[in-house]
PDB file of all heavy atoms in Angstrom:
ATOM      1  N   GLU A   1     119.624  94.176  82.610  1.00  0.00           N
ATOM      2  CA  GLU A   1     120.324  95.085  83.484  1.00  0.00           C
ATOM      3  C   GLU A   1     120.957  94.398  84.660  1.00  0.00           C
ATOM      4  O   GLU A   1     120.507  93.208  84.982  1.00  0.00           O
ATOM      5  CB  GLU A   1     119.370  96.122  84.051  1.00  0.00           C
ATOM      6  CG  GLU A   1     118.977  97.140  83.101  1.00  0.00           C
ATOM      7  CD  GLU A   1     120.054  97.947  82.357  1.00  0.00           C
ATOM      8  OE1 GLU A   1     121.004  98.185  83.121  1.00  0.00           O
ATOM      9  OE2 GLU A   1     119.781  98.398  81.285  1.00  0.00           O
ATOM     10  N   ASN A   2     121.968  94.968  85.360  1.00  0.00           N
ATOM     11  CA  ASN A   2     122.512  94.439  86.547  1.00  0.00           C
ATOM     12  C   ASN A   2     121.647  94.550  87.730  1.00  0.00           C
ATOM     13  O   ASN A   2     121.284  95.640  87.874  1.00  0.00           O
ATOM     14  CB  ASN A   2     123.814  94.955  86.738  1.00  0.00           C
ATOM     15  CG  ASN A   2     125.064  94.088  86.514  1.00  0.00           C
ATOM     16  OD1 ASN A   2     124.996  92.830  86.909  1.00  0.00           O
ATOM     17  ND2 ASN A   2     126.134  94.552  86.109  1.00  0.00           N
ATOM     18  N   THR A   3     121.575  93.373  88.602  1.00  0.00           N
ATOM     19  CA  THR A   3     120.715  93.602  89.896  1.00  0.00           C
ATOM     20  C   THR A   3     121.444  94.755  90.667  1.00  0.00           C
ATOM     21  O   THR A   3     122.585  94.801  90.794  1.00  0.00           O
ATOM     22  CB  THR A   3     120.927  92.369  90.614  1.00  0.00           C
ATOM     23  OG1 THR A   3     120.299  91.352  89.822  1.00  0.00           O
ATOM     24  CG2 THR A   3     120.128  92.548  91.929  1.00  0.00           C
ATOM     25  N   GLY A   4     120.631  95.720  91.146  1.00  0.00           N
ATOM     26  CA  GLY A   4     121.190  96.814  91.890  1.00  0.00           C
ATOM     27  C   GLY A   4     121.627  98.006  91.298  1.00  0.00           C
ATOM     28  O   GLY A   4     121.949  98.901  91.747  1.00  0.00           O
ATOM     29  N   TYR A   5     121.695  98.065  89.876  1.00  0.00           N
ATOM     30  CA  TYR A   5     122.000  99.165  89.015  1.00  0.00           C
ATOM     31  C   TYR A   5     120.880 100.379  89.142  1.00  0.00           C
ATOM     32  O   TYR A   5     119.664 100.129  89.154  1.00  0.00           O
ATOM     33  CB  TYR A   5     122.133  98.825  87.591  1.00  0.00           C
ATOM     34  CG  TYR A   5     123.634  98.440  87.207  1.00  0.00           C
ATOM     35  CD1 TYR A   5     124.504  97.912  88.204  1.00  0.00           C
ATOM     36  CD2 TYR A   5     124.119  98.604  85.889  1.00  0.00           C
ATOM     37  CE1 TYR A   5     125.774  97.598  87.767  1.00  0.00           C
ATOM     38  CE2 TYR A   5     125.377  98.205  85.498  1.00  0.00           C
ATOM     39  CZ  TYR A   5     126.257  97.756  86.618  1.00  0.00           C
ATOM     40  OH  TYR A   5     127.570  97.422  86.232  1.00  0.00           O
ATOM     41  N   VAL A   6     121.351 101.525  89.103  1.00  0.00           N
ATOM     42  CA  VAL A   6     120.444 102.658  89.150  1.00  0.00           C
ATOM     43  C   VAL A   6     119.540 102.691  87.901  1.00  0.00           C
ATOM     44  O   VAL A   6     118.588 103.405  87.898  1.00  0.00           O
ATOM     45  CB  VAL A   6     121.283 103.992  89.145  1.00  0.00           C
ATOM     46  CG1 VAL A   6     122.092 104.122  90.487  1.00  0.00           C
ATOM     47  CG2 VAL A   6     122.116 104.334  88.049  1.00  0.00           C
ATOM     48  N   GLU A   7     119.951 102.126  86.897  1.00  0.00           N
ATOM     49  CA  GLU A   7     119.136 102.154  85.653  1.00  0.00           C
ATOM     50  C   GLU A   7     117.785 101.320  85.807  1.00  0.00           C
ATOM     51  O   GLU A   7     116.848 101.640  85.113  1.00  0.00           O
ATOM     52  CB  GLU A   7     119.906 101.541  84.426  1.00  0.00           C
ATOM     53  CG  GLU A   7     121.045 102.312  84.033  1.00  0.00           C
ATOM     54  CD  GLU A   7     122.381 102.140  84.689  1.00  0.00           C
ATOM     55  OE1 GLU A   7     122.352 101.382  85.781  1.00  0.00           O
ATOM     56  OE2 GLU A   7     123.348 102.924  84.448  1.00  0.00           O
ATOM     57  N   VAL A   8     117.833 100.440  86.769  1.00  0.00           N
ATOM     58  CA  VAL A   8     116.558  99.521  86.890  1.00  0.00           C
ATOM     59  C   VAL A   8     115.399 100.425  87.284  1.00  0.00           C
ATOM     60  O   VAL A   8     114.326 100.284  86.687  1.00  0.00           O
ATOM     61  CB  VAL A   8     116.904  98.450  87.895  1.00  0.00           C
ATOM     62  CG1 VAL A   8     115.553  97.765  88.272  1.00  0.00           C
ATOM     63  CG2 VAL A   8     117.930  97.533  87.473  1.00  0.00           C
ATOM     64  N   PRO A   9     115.443 101.247  88.401  1.00  0.00           N
ATOM     65  CA  PRO A   9     114.246 102.100  88.736  1.00  0.00           C
ATOM     66  C   PRO A   9     113.842 103.044  87.565  1.00  0.00           C
ATOM     67  O   PRO A   9     112.703 103.368  87.368  1.00  0.00           O
ATOM     68  CB  PRO A   9     114.603 102.654  90.031  1.00  0.00           C
ATOM     69  CG  PRO A   9     116.038 102.548  90.166  1.00  0.00           C
ATOM     70  CD  PRO A   9     116.469 101.444  89.352  1.00  0.00           C
ATOM     71  N   LEU A  10     114.896 103.582  86.876  1.00  0.00           N
ATOM     72  CA  LEU A  10     114.598 104.452  85.753  1.00  0.00           C
ATOM     73  C   LEU A  10     113.713 103.891  84.696  1.00  0.00           C
ATOM     74  O   LEU A  10     112.793 104.411  84.236  1.00  0.00           O
ATOM     75  CB  LEU A  10     115.995 105.061  85.262  1.00  0.00           C
ATOM     76  CG  LEU A  10     116.729 105.833  86.146  1.00  0.00           C
ATOM     77  CD1 LEU A  10     117.975 106.335  85.392  1.00  0.00           C
ATOM     78  CD2 LEU A  10     116.050 107.187  86.646  1.00  0.00           C
ATOM     79  N   ILE A  11     114.055 102.681  84.355  1.00  0.00           N
ATOM     80  CA  ILE A  11     113.268 101.855  83.447  1.00  0.00           C
ATOM     81  C   ILE A  11     111.948 101.445  84.038  1.00  0.00           C
ATOM     82  O   ILE A  11     110.967 101.635  83.268  1.00  0.00           O
ATOM     83  CB  ILE A  11     114.103 100.496  82.959  1.00  0.00           C
ATOM     84  CG1 ILE A  11     115.357 101.003  82.254  1.00  0.00           C
ATOM     85  CG2 ILE A  11     113.217  99.784  81.979  1.00  0.00           C
ATOM     86  CD1 ILE A  11     116.293  99.821  81.992  1.00  0.00           C
ATOM     87  N   GLN A  12     111.921 101.120  85.319  1.00  0.00           N
ATOM     88  CA  GLN A  12     110.601 100.628  85.860  1.00  0.00           C
ATOM     89  C   GLN A  12     109.679 101.914  85.839  1.00  0.00           C
ATOM     90  O   GLN A  12     108.473 101.787  85.854  1.00  0.00           O
ATOM     91  CB  GLN A  12     110.925 100.183  87.335  1.00  0.00           C
ATOM     92  CG  GLN A  12     111.549  98.967  87.424  1.00  0.00           C
ATOM     93  CD  GLN A  12     111.950  98.466  88.772  1.00  0.00           C
ATOM     94  OE1 GLN A  12     112.199  99.308  89.569  1.00  0.00           O
ATOM     95  NE2 GLN A  12     111.994  97.195  89.022  1.00  0.00           N
ATOM     96  N   ASP A  13     110.266 103.185  86.114  1.00  0.00           N
ATOM     97  CA  ASP A  13     109.492 104.275  86.082  1.00  0.00           C
ATOM     98  C   ASP A  13     108.750 104.589  84.836  1.00  0.00           C
ATOM     99  O   ASP A  13     107.857 105.362  84.735  1.00  0.00           O
ATOM    100  CB  ASP A  13     110.224 105.668  86.401  1.00  0.00           C
ATOM    101  CG  ASP A  13     110.694 105.556  87.929  1.00  0.00           C
ATOM    102  OD1 ASP A  13     110.094 104.795  88.743  1.00  0.00           O
ATOM    103  OD2 ASP A  13     111.555 106.324  88.376  1.00  0.00           O
ATOM    104  N   LEU A  14     109.102 103.963  83.680  1.00  0.00           N
ATOM    105  CA  LEU A  14     108.546 104.195  82.480  1.00  0.00           C
ATOM    106  C   LEU A  14     107.183 103.384  82.248  1.00  0.00           C
ATOM    107  O   LEU A  14     106.370 103.672  81.564  1.00  0.00           O
ATOM    108  CB  LEU A  14     109.436 103.708  81.311  1.00  0.00           C
ATOM    109  CG  LEU A  14     110.688 104.489  81.010  1.00  0.00           C
ATOM    110  CD1 LEU A  14     111.436 103.864  79.990  1.00  0.00           C
ATOM    111  CD2 LEU A  14     110.422 105.948  80.487  1.00  0.00           C
ATOM    112  N   ALA A  15     106.937 102.432  83.163  1.00  0.00           N
ATOM    113  CA  ALA A  15     105.835 101.456  82.941  1.00  0.00           C
ATOM    114  C   ALA A  15     104.433 102.218  82.965  1.00  0.00           C
ATOM    115  O   ALA A  15     103.663 102.086  82.133  1.00  0.00           O
ATOM    116  CB  ALA A  15     105.820 100.428  84.145  1.00  0.00           C
ATOM    117  N   PRO A  16     104.211 103.147  84.045  1.00  0.00           N
ATOM    118  CA  PRO A  16     102.939 103.703  83.933  1.00  0.00           C
ATOM    119  C   PRO A  16     102.812 104.742  82.818  1.00  0.00           C
ATOM    120  O   PRO A  16     101.715 104.891  82.251  1.00  0.00           O
ATOM    121  CB  PRO A  16     102.827 104.406  85.382  1.00  0.00           C
ATOM    122  CG  PRO A  16     104.244 104.641  85.854  1.00  0.00           C
ATOM    123  CD  PRO A  16     104.951 103.434  85.259  1.00  0.00           C
ATOM    124  N   LYS A  17     103.812 105.307  82.364  1.00  0.00           N
ATOM    125  CA  LYS A  17     103.744 106.241  81.208  1.00  0.00           C
ATOM    126  C   LYS A  17     103.394 105.403  79.950  1.00  0.00           C
ATOM    127  O   LYS A  17     102.594 105.917  79.069  1.00  0.00           O
ATOM    128  CB  LYS A  17     105.135 106.987  81.005  1.00  0.00           C
ATOM    129  CG  LYS A  17     105.469 107.799  82.271  1.00  0.00           C
ATOM    130  CD  LYS A  17     106.811 108.398  82.091  1.00  0.00           C
ATOM    131  CE  LYS A  17     107.312 109.142  83.345  1.00  0.00           C
ATOM    132  NZ  LYS A  17     108.700 109.636  83.332  1.00  0.00           N
ATOM    133  N   CYS A  18     104.109 104.245  79.642  1.00  0.00           N
ATOM    134  CA  CYS A  18     103.806 103.500  78.551  1.00  0.00           C
ATOM    135  C   CYS A  18     102.378 102.978  78.560  1.00  0.00           C
ATOM    136  O   CYS A  18     101.610 103.115  77.522  1.00  0.00           O
ATOM    137  CB  CYS A  18     104.789 102.263  78.495  1.00  0.00           C
ATOM    138  SG  CYS A  18     106.504 102.635  78.175  1.00  0.00           S
ATOM    139  N   GLU A  19     101.844 102.380  79.713  1.00  0.00           N
ATOM    140  CA  GLU A  19     100.517 101.927  79.930  1.00  0.00           C
ATOM    141  C   GLU A  19      99.502 102.960  79.645  1.00  0.00           C
ATOM    142  O   GLU A  19      98.405 102.756  79.134  1.00  0.00           O
ATOM    143  CB  GLU A  19     100.339 101.256  81.222  1.00  0.00           C
ATOM    144  CG  GLU A  19     101.206  99.962  81.277  1.00  0.00           C
ATOM    145  CD  GLU A  19     101.213  99.327  82.606  1.00  0.00           C
ATOM    146  OE1 GLU A  19     100.907 100.034  83.582  1.00  0.00           O
ATOM    147  OE2 GLU A  19     101.506  98.068  82.772  1.00  0.00           O
ATOM    148  N   ALA A  20      99.846 104.335  80.089  1.00  0.00           N
ATOM    149  CA  ALA A  20      98.825 105.434  79.886  1.00  0.00           C
ATOM    150  C   ALA A  20      98.670 105.703  78.482  1.00  0.00           C
ATOM    151  O   ALA A  20      97.690 106.241  77.995  1.00  0.00           O
ATOM    152  CB  ALA A  20      99.363 106.611  80.553  1.00  0.00           C
ATOM    153  N   GLU A  21      99.563 105.325  77.518  1.00  0.00           N
ATOM    154  CA  GLU A  21      99.531 105.538  76.129  1.00  0.00           C
ATOM    155  C   GLU A  21      99.093 104.163  75.416  1.00  0.00           C
ATOM    156  O   GLU A  21      99.198 104.098  74.156  1.00  0.00           O
ATOM    157  CB  GLU A  21     100.776 105.979  75.530  1.00  0.00           C
ATOM    158  CG  GLU A  21     101.182 107.443  75.954  1.00  0.00           C
ATOM    159  CD  GLU A  21     102.233 108.075  75.127  1.00  0.00           C
ATOM    160  OE1 GLU A  21     102.717 107.510  74.257  1.00  0.00           O
ATOM    161  OE2 GLU A  21     102.743 109.197  75.629  1.00  0.00           O
ATOM    162  N   GLY A  22      98.697 103.242  76.194  1.00  0.00           N
ATOM    163  CA  GLY A  22      98.268 101.949  75.561  1.00  0.00           C
ATOM    164  C   GLY A  22      99.348 101.125  75.121  1.00  0.00           C
ATOM    165  O   GLY A  22      99.038 100.302  74.236  1.00  0.00           O
ATOM    166  N   LYS A  23     100.536 101.293  75.584  1.00  0.00           N
ATOM    167  CA  LYS A  23     101.594 100.569  75.105  1.00  0.00           C
ATOM    168  C   LYS A  23     102.109  99.569  76.240  1.00  0.00           C
ATOM    169  O   LYS A  23     101.932  99.887  77.343  1.00  0.00           O
ATOM    170  CB  LYS A  23     102.772 101.363  74.681  1.00  0.00           C
ATOM    171  CG  LYS A  23     102.462 102.417  73.633  1.00  0.00           C
ATOM    172  CD  LYS A  23     103.528 103.264  73.266  1.00  0.00           C
ATOM    173  CE  LYS A  23     103.271 104.399  72.247  1.00  0.00           C
ATOM    174  NZ  LYS A  23     104.444 105.286  71.905  1.00  0.00           N
ATOM    175  N   PRO A  24     102.674  98.544  75.865  1.00  0.00           N
ATOM    176  CA  PRO A  24     103.334  97.492  76.835  1.00  0.00           C
ATOM    177  C   PRO A  24     104.357  98.191  77.646  1.00  0.00           C
ATOM    178  O   PRO A  24     105.193  98.982  77.108  1.00  0.00           O
ATOM    179  CB  PRO A  24     103.679  96.359  76.151  1.00  0.00           C
ATOM    180  CG  PRO A  24     103.108  96.491  74.676  1.00  0.00           C
ATOM    181  CD  PRO A  24     102.981  97.926  74.491  1.00  0.00           C
ATOM    182  N   LYS A  25     104.506  97.920  78.891  1.00  0.00           N
ATOM    183  CA  LYS A  25     105.519  98.342  79.686  1.00  0.00           C
ATOM    184  C   LYS A  25     106.803  97.718  79.413  1.00  0.00           C
ATOM    185  O   LYS A  25     106.873  96.515  78.852  1.00  0.00           O
ATOM    186  CB  LYS A  25     105.253  98.094  81.096  1.00  0.00           C
ATOM    187  CG  LYS A  25     105.197  96.796  81.661  1.00  0.00           C
ATOM    188  CD  LYS A  25     104.868  96.616  83.179  1.00  0.00           C
ATOM    189  CE  LYS A  25     104.878  95.127  83.625  1.00  0.00           C
ATOM    190  NZ  LYS A  25     104.510  94.966  84.976  1.00  0.00           N
TER     191      LYS A  25
END
């Protein structure tokens, strides 16, 4: 992703959801 793009925090927000299901972020 491009530095500063709005997609970056949207992808980062997936981390706890993935880890809650035992999957890598």
